[in-house]
Amino acid sequence: MSLNLRTSLGCTEAIITDSGGLKEFYHIANILTRDFKISFSSKEDDFDTIDWEFRFKGHNLTLHYSIYNGISMFPTKTRDALGKDNKAVVELAGVLENKLLNEVKTNVA
């Protein structure tokens, strides 16, 4: 796993996995809840996408799932996101990436 960033939404979007399924989305949501004490304030579940909004260190972020593009995280305001919102995405995604990598190492060992 390698953290990929893109800006096609007008903000920084951290691609957690471009091939992750629904089970992995819920696993990531569980890690955010358990390890970062995050509560999801809004949950939109559609046929092919899921958007769950939450706050991290005062920033409104969205955990996103798409059957076409995988799992990502971005500022909820997208095009109106502030620089510090984009930095919060990068910070949280980096820590989350390390947790996921450690899980893989633990499960392999």
C-alpha atoms as a PDB file:
ATOM      1  CA  MET A   1       0.000   0.000   0.000  1.00  0.00           C
ATOM      2  CA  SER A   2       1.304   3.415  -0.941  1.00  0.00           C
ATOM      3  CA  LEU A   3      -0.475   6.661  -0.191  1.00  0.00           C
ATOM      4  CA  ASN A   4      -1.581   8.359  -3.394  1.00  0.00           C
ATOM      5  CA  LEU A   5      -2.881  11.913  -3.516  1.00  0.00           C
ATOM      6  CA  ARG A   6      -4.872  13.590  -6.256  1.00  0.00           C
ATOM      7  CA  THR A   7      -6.515  16.975  -6.679  1.00  0.00           C
ATOM      8  CA  SER A   8      -9.147  16.338  -9.357  1.00  0.00           C
ATOM      9  CA  LEU A   9     -11.947  17.291  -6.917  1.00  0.00           C
ATOM     10  CA  GLY A  10     -10.411  20.736  -6.318  1.00  0.00           C
ATOM     11  CA  CYS A  11      -8.954  19.627  -2.974  1.00  0.00           C
ATOM     12  CA  THR A  12      -6.516  17.013  -1.756  1.00  0.00           C
ATOM     13  CA  GLU A  13      -7.984  13.540  -1.970  1.00  0.00           C
ATOM     14  CA  ALA A  14      -6.060  10.703  -0.336  1.00  0.00           C
ATOM     15  CA  ILE A  15      -6.579   7.424  -2.150  1.00  0.00           C
ATOM     16  CA  ILE A  16      -6.510   4.775   0.548  1.00  0.00           C
ATOM     17  CA  THR A  17      -7.013   1.959  -1.939  1.00  0.00           C
ATOM     18  CA  ASP A  18      -8.217   2.070  -5.522  1.00  0.00           C
ATOM     19  CA  SER A  19      -9.415  -1.521  -5.434  1.00  0.00           C
ATOM     20  CA  GLY A  20     -10.894  -1.812  -1.945  1.00  0.00           C
ATOM     21  CA  GLY A  21     -14.281  -3.345  -1.444  1.00  0.00           C
ATOM     22  CA  LEU A  22     -17.144  -2.628   0.885  1.00  0.00           C
ATOM     23  CA  LYS A  23     -15.709  -4.885   3.594  1.00  0.00           C
ATOM     24  CA  GLU A  24     -12.471  -2.862   3.576  1.00  0.00           C
ATOM     25  CA  PHE A  25     -14.438   0.413   3.738  1.00  0.00           C
ATOM     26  CA  TYR A  26     -16.150  -0.749   6.925  1.00  0.00           C
ATOM     27  CA  HIS A  27     -12.821  -1.956   8.320  1.00  0.00           C
ATOM     28  CA  ILE A  28     -11.276   1.490   7.743  1.00  0.00           C
ATOM     29  CA  ALA A  29     -14.325   3.199   9.262  1.00  0.00           C
ATOM     30  CA  ASN A  30     -13.922   0.933  12.305  1.00  0.00           C
ATOM     31  CA  ILE A  31     -10.237   1.879  12.663  1.00  0.00           C
ATOM     32  CA  LEU A  32     -11.140   5.583  12.489  1.00  0.00           C
ATOM     33  CA  THR A  33     -13.804   5.101  15.150  1.00  0.00           C
ATOM     34  CA  ARG A  34     -11.759   2.897  17.439  1.00  0.00           C
ATOM     35  CA  ASP A  35      -8.257   4.374  17.168  1.00  0.00           C
ATOM     36  CA  PHE A  36      -9.008   8.027  16.426  1.00  0.00           C
ATOM     37  CA  LYS A  37     -12.264   8.366  18.399  1.00  0.00           C
ATOM     38  CA  ILE A  38     -14.015   9.649  15.276  1.00  0.00           C
ATOM     39  CA  SER A  39     -17.807   9.762  15.129  1.00  0.00           C
ATOM     40  CA  PHE A  40     -19.473   9.887  11.755  1.00  0.00           C
ATOM     41  CA  SER A  41     -21.949  12.763  11.686  1.00  0.00           C
ATOM     42  CA  SER A  42     -23.578  12.098   8.348  1.00  0.00           C
ATOM     43  CA  LYS A  43     -23.836   8.888   6.362  1.00  0.00           C
ATOM     44  CA  GLU A  44     -25.001   8.774   2.757  1.00  0.00           C
ATOM     45  CA  ASP A  45     -25.211   5.299   1.274  1.00  0.00           C
ATOM     46  CA  ASP A  46     -26.141   5.109  -2.406  1.00  0.00           C
ATOM     47  CA  PHE A  47     -26.180   2.236  -4.843  1.00  0.00           C
ATOM     48  CA  ASP A  48     -22.549   2.592  -5.925  1.00  0.00           C
ATOM     49  CA  THR A  49     -21.050   5.126  -3.463  1.00  0.00           C
ATOM     50  CA  ILE A  50     -20.875   5.811   0.251  1.00  0.00           C
ATOM     51  CA  ASP A  51     -19.930   9.146   1.833  1.00  0.00           C
ATOM     52  CA  TRP A  52     -19.489   9.340   5.595  1.00  0.00           C
ATOM     53  CA  GLU A  53     -18.644  12.730   7.076  1.00  0.00           C
ATOM     54  CA  PHE A  54     -16.637  13.254  10.258  1.00  0.00           C
ATOM     55  CA  ARG A  55     -14.473  15.773  12.100  1.00  0.00           C
ATOM     56  CA  PHE A  56     -10.756  15.327  12.654  1.00  0.00           C
ATOM     57  CA  LYS A  57      -8.897  17.962  14.667  1.00  0.00           C
ATOM     58  CA  GLY A  58     -11.559  20.543  13.808  1.00  0.00           C
ATOM     59  CA  HIS A  59     -11.664  19.728  10.076  1.00  0.00           C
ATOM     60  CA  ASN A  60     -14.712  18.370   8.265  1.00  0.00           C
ATOM     61  CA  LEU A  61     -13.642  15.370   6.217  1.00  0.00           C
ATOM     62  CA  THR A  62     -15.365  12.649   4.216  1.00  0.00           C
ATOM     63  CA  LEU A  63     -14.562   8.963   3.976  1.00  0.00           C
ATOM     64  CA  HIS A  64     -15.656   7.911   0.490  1.00  0.00           C
ATOM     65  CA  TYR A  65     -16.276   4.526  -1.134  1.00  0.00           C
ATOM     66  CA  SER A  66     -17.000   3.909  -4.797  1.00  0.00           C
ATOM     67  CA  ILE A  67     -17.364   0.537  -6.475  1.00  0.00           C
ATOM     68  CA  TYR A  68     -15.502   2.079  -9.416  1.00  0.00           C
ATOM     69  CA  ASN A  69     -12.684   3.987  -7.674  1.00  0.00           C
ATOM     70  CA  GLY A  70     -12.151   2.348  -4.286  1.00  0.00           C
ATOM     71  CA  ILE A  71     -11.771   4.124  -0.939  1.00  0.00           C
ATOM     72  CA  SER A  72     -10.583   7.678  -0.396  1.00  0.00           C
ATOM     73  CA  MET A  73     -10.729  10.583   2.020  1.00  0.00           C
ATOM     74  CA  PHE A  74     -11.098  14.293   1.283  1.00  0.00           C
ATOM     75  CA  PRO A  75     -12.288  17.583   2.819  1.00  0.00           C
ATOM     76  CA  THR A  76     -16.065  17.697   2.869  1.00  0.00           C
ATOM     77  CA  LYS A  77     -16.107  21.145   1.231  1.00  0.00           C
ATOM     78  CA  THR A  78     -14.032  19.862  -1.741  1.00  0.00           C
ATOM     79  CA  ARG A  79     -13.536  22.948  -3.972  1.00  0.00           C
ATOM     80  CA  ASP A  80     -13.933  25.345  -1.022  1.00  0.00           C
ATOM     81  CA  ALA A  81     -11.505  23.435   1.197  1.00  0.00           C
ATOM     82  CA  LEU A  82      -8.845  25.412   3.015  1.00  0.00           C
ATOM     83  CA  GLY A  83      -5.177  24.490   2.868  1.00  0.00           C
ATOM     84  CA  LYS A  84      -5.303  23.298   6.470  1.00  0.00           C
ATOM     85  CA  ASP A  85      -8.219  20.975   5.581  1.00  0.00           C
ATOM     86  CA  ASN A  86      -6.090  19.437   2.838  1.00  0.00           C
ATOM     87  CA  LYS A  87      -3.184  19.028   5.272  1.00  0.00           C
ATOM     88  CA  ALA A  88      -5.489  17.268   7.752  1.00  0.00           C
ATOM     89  CA  VAL A  89      -6.421  14.758   5.034  1.00  0.00           C
ATOM     90  CA  VAL A  90      -2.754  14.038   4.326  1.00  0.00           C
ATOM     91  CA  GLU A  91      -1.956  13.737   8.043  1.00  0.00           C
ATOM     92  CA  LEU A  92      -4.814  11.358   8.852  1.00  0.00           C
ATOM     93  CA  ALA A  93      -4.329   9.285   5.698  1.00  0.00           C
ATOM     94  CA  GLY A  94      -0.626   8.875   6.488  1.00  0.00           C
ATOM     95  CA  VAL A  95      -1.296   7.612  10.013  1.00  0.00           C
ATOM     96  CA  LEU A  96      -4.102   5.380   8.743  1.00  0.00           C
ATOM     97  CA  GLU A  97      -1.784   3.963   6.077  1.00  0.00           C
ATOM     98  CA  ASN A  98       0.770   3.040   8.745  1.00  0.00           C
ATOM     99  CA  LYS A  99      -1.901   1.304  10.834  1.00  0.00           C
ATOM    100  CA  LEU A 100      -3.084  -0.701   7.823  1.00  0.00           C
ATOM    101  CA  LEU A 101       0.495  -1.664   6.913  1.00  0.00           C
ATOM    102  CA  ASN A 102       1.157  -2.787  10.499  1.00  0.00           C
ATOM    103  CA  GLU A 103      -1.977  -4.945  10.385  1.00  0.00           C
ATOM    104  CA  VAL A 104      -0.722  -6.637   7.226  1.00  0.00           C
ATOM    105  CA  LYS A 105       2.691  -7.266   8.801  1.00  0.00           C
ATOM    106  CA  THR A 106       1.081  -8.650  11.956  1.00  0.00           C
ATOM    107  CA  ASN A 107      -1.204 -10.958   9.990  1.00  0.00           C
ATOM    108  CA  VAL A 108       1.686 -12.259   7.850  1.00  0.00           C
ATOM    109  CA  ALA A 109       4.032 -12.907  10.789  1.00  0.00           C
END
